[in-house]
Amino acid sequence: MEFVEIPEGSFLLGAEIDNSFADESNIPIRRVWLPKYEIARYPASVAEWREYVQQANVNWAFWPELTEACPTDDYPVVYVSWTEAAAYAQWLGSHTGRNVSLPTSAQWEKACRGTNGRDFPWGNDSGLSPDIDFHIVPPYRLSTLHLLESPYGCRHMCQNVYELCSDWFDEFYYTYLDPVAPTGPLVGEEGKRTLRGARLDAASPVCCRRFPVSPEEHSRQIGFRLVINET
């Protein structure tokens, strides 16, 4: 798994009220500070998930669905629930001696859009999105070359599957979040966690959108990437 470093510092999180992409879950715009961390350049792959399941002797029931959606190892792994992804992160951390986890929603967003609050990972112009056949529903192979990078070199953010984050989900969280290294609300609405990103065939594949997701949901449209924290 390849990681890129995100330097410490502040960035613009969320959306202005008059932004066409604004909704209750991403307003108001906030300036948030994060310490340095590393984030995976790509979503976790089928190959990486297979290695974990085999080495950790995990009984995972979604191989038929995964094989149908992702026929080769260089696809993002999907049909993994939040609970399963968090367990994988813990296992990887125990084997590497590093603090590995799902990203916080703020960590994901900074890696996606940089420091200046851009709308898309590739800029503010939706016309810069790659030319893609929207009749092909994601997931796409991670080796797809026409997908554009975020400011920090992350790929497939808002351009492939949705991605799981560690935070509980509260629609109004941005109205009261701690601007220093926020980790999400203490509880989630109806026990939901946070989902980030979008697919290129979605109406608005923008960096600022957040969605609720059940910790036990398995979906063809949902994957994840991991972070390494300093402490």
Protein backbone atom coordinates (compact mmCIF):
# COMPACT_ATOMS: atom_id res chain seq x y z
CA MET A 1 0.00 0.00 0.00
CA GLU A 2 1.55 3.30 -1.11
CA PHE A 3 1.11 6.35 1.13
CA VAL A 4 1.60 10.07 0.50
CA GLU A 5 2.41 12.61 3.20
CA ILE A 6 -0.04 15.40 4.01
CA PRO A 7 1.82 18.21 5.83
CA GLU A 8 0.47 19.79 8.99
CA GLY A 9 -1.48 23.00 8.58
CA SER A 10 -4.91 24.46 7.99
CA PHE A 11 -7.32 24.07 5.09
CA LEU A 12 -10.84 25.06 4.11
CA LEU A 13 -13.41 22.38 4.93
CA GLY A 14 -17.03 22.44 3.83
CA ALA A 15 -18.87 24.83 1.54
CA GLU A 16 -20.13 28.40 1.50
CA ILE A 17 -23.90 28.66 1.91
CA ASP A 18 -24.24 30.13 -1.58
CA ASN A 19 -22.14 27.36 -3.16
CA SER A 20 -24.22 25.28 -5.55
CA PHE A 21 -22.85 22.13 -3.88
CA ALA A 22 -23.77 23.23 -0.34
CA ASP A 23 -26.24 21.31 1.79
CA GLU A 24 -26.84 20.94 5.53
CA SER A 25 -24.05 18.38 5.87
CA ASN A 26 -21.24 20.60 4.56
CA ILE A 27 -22.02 24.15 5.73
CA PRO A 28 -20.70 26.46 6.95
CA ILE A 29 -17.20 26.52 5.49
CA ARG A 30 -14.60 26.19 8.25
CA ARG A 31 -10.85 26.63 8.54
CA VAL A 32 -9.51 23.50 10.19
CA TRP A 33 -5.98 22.57 11.31
CA LEU A 34 -4.61 19.03 11.08
CA PRO A 35 -1.27 17.55 12.16
CA LYS A 36 0.88 15.74 9.62
CA TYR A 37 -0.37 12.35 8.48
CA GLU A 38 -0.02 9.94 5.58
CA ILE A 39 -2.87 8.70 3.41
CA ALA A 40 -3.00 5.90 0.87
CA ARG A 41 -2.54 7.12 -2.69
CA TYR A 42 -5.18 4.63 -3.87
CA PRO A 43 -8.18 2.95 -2.28
CA ALA A 44 -7.43 -0.46 -0.78
CA SER A 45 -7.23 -3.04 -3.54
CA VAL A 46 -8.67 -6.50 -4.01
CA ALA A 47 -5.14 -7.91 -3.71
CA GLU A 48 -4.52 -6.16 -0.39
CA TRP A 49 -7.85 -7.32 1.00
CA ARG A 50 -7.23 -10.91 -0.10
CA GLU A 51 -3.85 -10.91 1.64
CA TYR A 52 -5.44 -9.66 4.86
CA VAL A 53 -8.31 -12.16 4.80
CA GLN A 54 -5.92 -15.05 4.22
CA GLN A 55 -3.28 -14.03 6.76
CA ALA A 56 -5.76 -13.03 9.47
CA ASN A 57 -7.99 -16.04 8.76
CA VAL A 58 -11.06 -13.84 8.37
CA ASN A 59 -14.33 -15.49 7.40
CA TRP A 60 -15.62 -13.04 4.78
CA ALA A 61 -18.78 -13.92 2.86
CA PHE A 62 -18.74 -11.56 -0.12
CA TRP A 63 -16.21 -13.12 -2.49
CA PRO A 64 -18.82 -13.96 -5.19
CA GLU A 65 -20.12 -10.38 -5.24
CA LEU A 66 -16.60 -8.95 -5.21
CA THR A 67 -15.44 -11.20 -8.05
CA GLU A 68 -18.39 -10.15 -10.18
CA ALA A 69 -17.79 -6.43 -9.56
CA CYS A 70 -13.97 -6.53 -9.51
CA PRO A 71 -12.62 -9.39 -11.62
CA THR A 72 -8.90 -8.65 -11.15
CA ASP A 73 -6.67 -7.73 -8.23
CA ASP A 74 -6.10 -4.13 -9.36
CA TYR A 75 -9.62 -2.99 -8.55
CA PRO A 76 -10.62 -1.24 -5.32
CA VAL A 77 -12.06 -3.72 -2.87
CA VAL A 78 -15.81 -3.23 -2.36
CA TYR A 79 -18.53 -4.99 -0.35
CA VAL A 80 -16.46 -4.32 2.80
CA SER A 81 -18.40 -2.84 5.71
CA TRP A 82 -17.13 -0.05 7.95
CA THR A 83 -16.66 -2.53 10.79
CA GLU A 84 -14.61 -4.86 8.57
CA ALA A 85 -12.49 -2.03 7.17
CA ALA A 86 -11.73 -0.76 10.68
CA ALA A 87 -10.66 -4.27 11.72
CA TYR A 88 -8.34 -4.45 8.70
CA ALA A 89 -6.75 -1.13 9.67
CA GLN A 90 -6.17 -2.37 13.21
CA TRP A 91 -4.63 -5.61 11.91
CA LEU A 92 -2.32 -3.73 9.53
CA GLY A 93 -1.24 -1.41 12.32
CA SER A 94 -0.39 -4.33 14.59
CA HIS A 95 1.74 -5.86 11.83
CA THR A 96 3.57 -2.67 10.88
CA GLY A 97 3.92 -1.05 14.29
CA ARG A 98 2.27 2.12 13.03
CA ASN A 99 -0.95 3.94 13.91
CA VAL A 100 -3.14 2.86 10.99
CA SER A 101 -6.84 3.73 10.76
CA LEU A 102 -9.59 4.80 8.47
CA PRO A 103 -9.19 8.54 7.79
CA THR A 104 -11.19 11.07 9.69
CA SER A 105 -13.59 12.94 7.45
CA ALA A 106 -11.36 16.02 7.76
CA GLN A 107 -8.24 14.05 6.80
CA TRP A 108 -10.02 12.66 3.76
CA GLU A 109 -11.22 16.09 2.67
CA LYS A 110 -7.84 17.79 3.00
CA ALA A 111 -6.19 15.04 0.97
CA CYS A 112 -8.93 15.39 -1.65
CA ARG A 113 -9.07 19.15 -2.17
CA GLY A 114 -5.90 20.69 -0.74
CA THR A 115 -5.90 23.86 1.33
CA ASN A 116 -7.93 26.30 -0.76
CA GLY A 117 -11.39 24.72 -0.76
CA ARG A 118 -11.49 23.63 -4.41
CA ASP A 119 -14.69 21.95 -5.53
CA PHE A 120 -13.14 18.94 -7.28
CA PRO A 121 -9.85 17.11 -6.67
CA TRP A 122 -8.60 18.42 -10.02
CA GLY A 123 -9.74 22.05 -9.60
CA ASN A 124 -12.86 24.21 -9.58
CA ASP A 125 -13.99 23.49 -13.13
CA SER A 126 -16.13 20.39 -13.50
CA GLY A 127 -15.20 20.39 -17.18
CA LEU A 128 -11.71 19.27 -16.17
CA SER A 129 -13.05 15.90 -15.12
CA PRO A 130 -11.64 13.04 -17.22
CA ASP A 131 -13.42 11.87 -20.33
CA ILE A 132 -15.02 8.63 -19.27
CA ASP A 133 -17.75 6.31 -20.44
CA PHE A 134 -20.51 7.05 -17.93
CA HIS A 135 -22.38 3.93 -19.06
CA ILE A 136 -19.77 1.89 -17.20
CA VAL A 137 -20.71 1.95 -13.53
CA PRO A 138 -17.78 1.94 -11.06
CA PRO A 139 -15.70 0.38 -9.65
CA TYR A 140 -12.91 1.11 -12.11
CA ARG A 141 -9.48 -0.50 -12.12
CA LEU A 142 -6.91 1.32 -10.00
CA SER A 143 -4.51 1.22 -12.96
CA THR A 144 -6.86 3.44 -14.98
CA LEU A 145 -4.60 6.25 -16.15
CA HIS A 146 -7.09 8.96 -17.09
CA LEU A 147 -8.18 9.61 -13.49
CA LEU A 148 -6.72 12.87 -12.21
CA GLU A 149 -4.78 13.39 -8.98
CA SER A 150 -5.70 15.49 -5.97
CA PRO A 151 -3.29 18.29 -4.95
CA TYR A 152 -1.31 15.80 -2.84
CA GLY A 153 -1.16 13.08 -5.47
CA CYS A 154 -4.08 10.93 -4.31
CA ARG A 155 -5.95 9.12 -7.06
CA HIS A 156 -9.56 8.01 -7.48
CA MET A 157 -10.96 10.53 -4.96
CA CYS A 158 -14.44 11.51 -6.25
CA GLN A 159 -13.65 9.44 -9.33
CA ASN A 160 -14.39 5.82 -8.44
CA VAL A 161 -16.10 4.30 -5.39
CA TYR A 162 -17.34 6.10 -2.29
CA GLU A 163 -14.96 5.81 0.69
CA LEU A 164 -15.47 5.06 4.37
CA CYS A 165 -14.23 7.42 7.09
CA SER A 166 -13.82 6.90 10.83
CA ASP A 167 -16.24 9.63 11.98
CA TRP A 168 -19.73 9.16 13.26
CA PHE A 169 -22.18 11.09 11.08
CA ASP A 170 -24.08 14.18 12.21
CA GLU A 171 -25.65 16.30 9.49
CA PHE A 172 -24.99 19.51 11.44
CA TYR A 173 -21.49 18.67 12.66
CA TYR A 174 -19.80 21.58 10.86
CA THR A 175 -21.74 24.07 12.98
CA TYR A 176 -19.92 22.96 16.16
CA LEU A 177 -16.80 20.98 15.20
CA ASP A 178 -13.46 21.57 16.91
CA PRO A 179 -11.26 23.38 14.35
CA VAL A 180 -8.13 21.59 15.64
CA ALA A 181 -7.84 17.99 14.41
CA PRO A 182 -11.59 17.19 14.45
CA THR A 183 -12.42 13.50 14.73
CA GLY A 184 -16.19 13.68 14.34
CA PRO A 185 -19.15 13.84 16.71
CA LEU A 186 -19.37 11.65 19.80
CA VAL A 187 -22.41 9.79 18.47
CA GLY A 188 -23.92 9.26 15.06
CA GLU A 189 -27.40 9.88 13.75
CA GLU A 190 -29.13 6.49 13.89
CA GLY A 191 -25.75 4.86 14.52
CA LYS A 192 -24.36 5.92 11.13
CA ARG A 193 -20.73 6.50 10.16
CA THR A 194 -19.44 8.90 7.47
CA LEU A 195 -18.99 8.20 3.77
CA ARG A 196 -17.04 10.52 1.50
CA GLY A 197 -16.37 11.05 -2.18
CA ALA A 198 -18.49 10.32 -5.21
CA ARG A 199 -18.41 8.54 -8.52
CA LEU A 200 -17.75 10.32 -11.78
CA ASP A 201 -21.19 9.24 -12.95
CA ALA A 202 -22.77 10.91 -9.89
CA ALA A 203 -24.52 14.25 -10.29
CA SER A 204 -21.86 16.14 -8.31
CA PRO A 205 -18.50 14.38 -7.78
CA VAL A 206 -17.32 17.09 -5.38
CA CYS A 207 -14.89 17.04 -2.45
CA CYS A 208 -17.17 18.57 0.19
CA ARG A 209 -20.08 16.12 0.22
CA ARG A 210 -20.67 13.80 3.20
CA PHE A 211 -23.12 10.92 3.51
CA PRO A 212 -24.32 8.63 6.32
CA VAL A 213 -23.66 4.91 6.09
CA SER A 214 -24.47 1.99 8.35
CA PRO A 215 -21.35 0.38 9.89
CA GLU A 216 -22.60 -2.99 8.65
CA GLU A 217 -23.53 -2.01 5.08
CA HIS A 218 -21.94 -3.94 2.21
CA SER A 219 -22.12 -2.26 -1.19
CA ARG A 220 -20.65 -2.50 -4.68
CA GLN A 221 -20.25 1.28 -4.60
CA ILE A 222 -18.27 1.57 -1.34
CA GLY A 223 -14.54 1.09 -0.71
CA PHE A 224 -11.97 2.71 1.59
CA ARG A 225 -8.42 3.97 1.93
CA LEU A 226 -6.28 4.08 5.06
CA VAL A 227 -4.18 6.68 6.89
CA ILE A 228 -1.08 6.52 9.08
CA ASN A 229 -1.14 8.95 11.97
CA GLU A 230 1.90 10.36 13.76
CA THR A 231 0.73 9.19 17.19
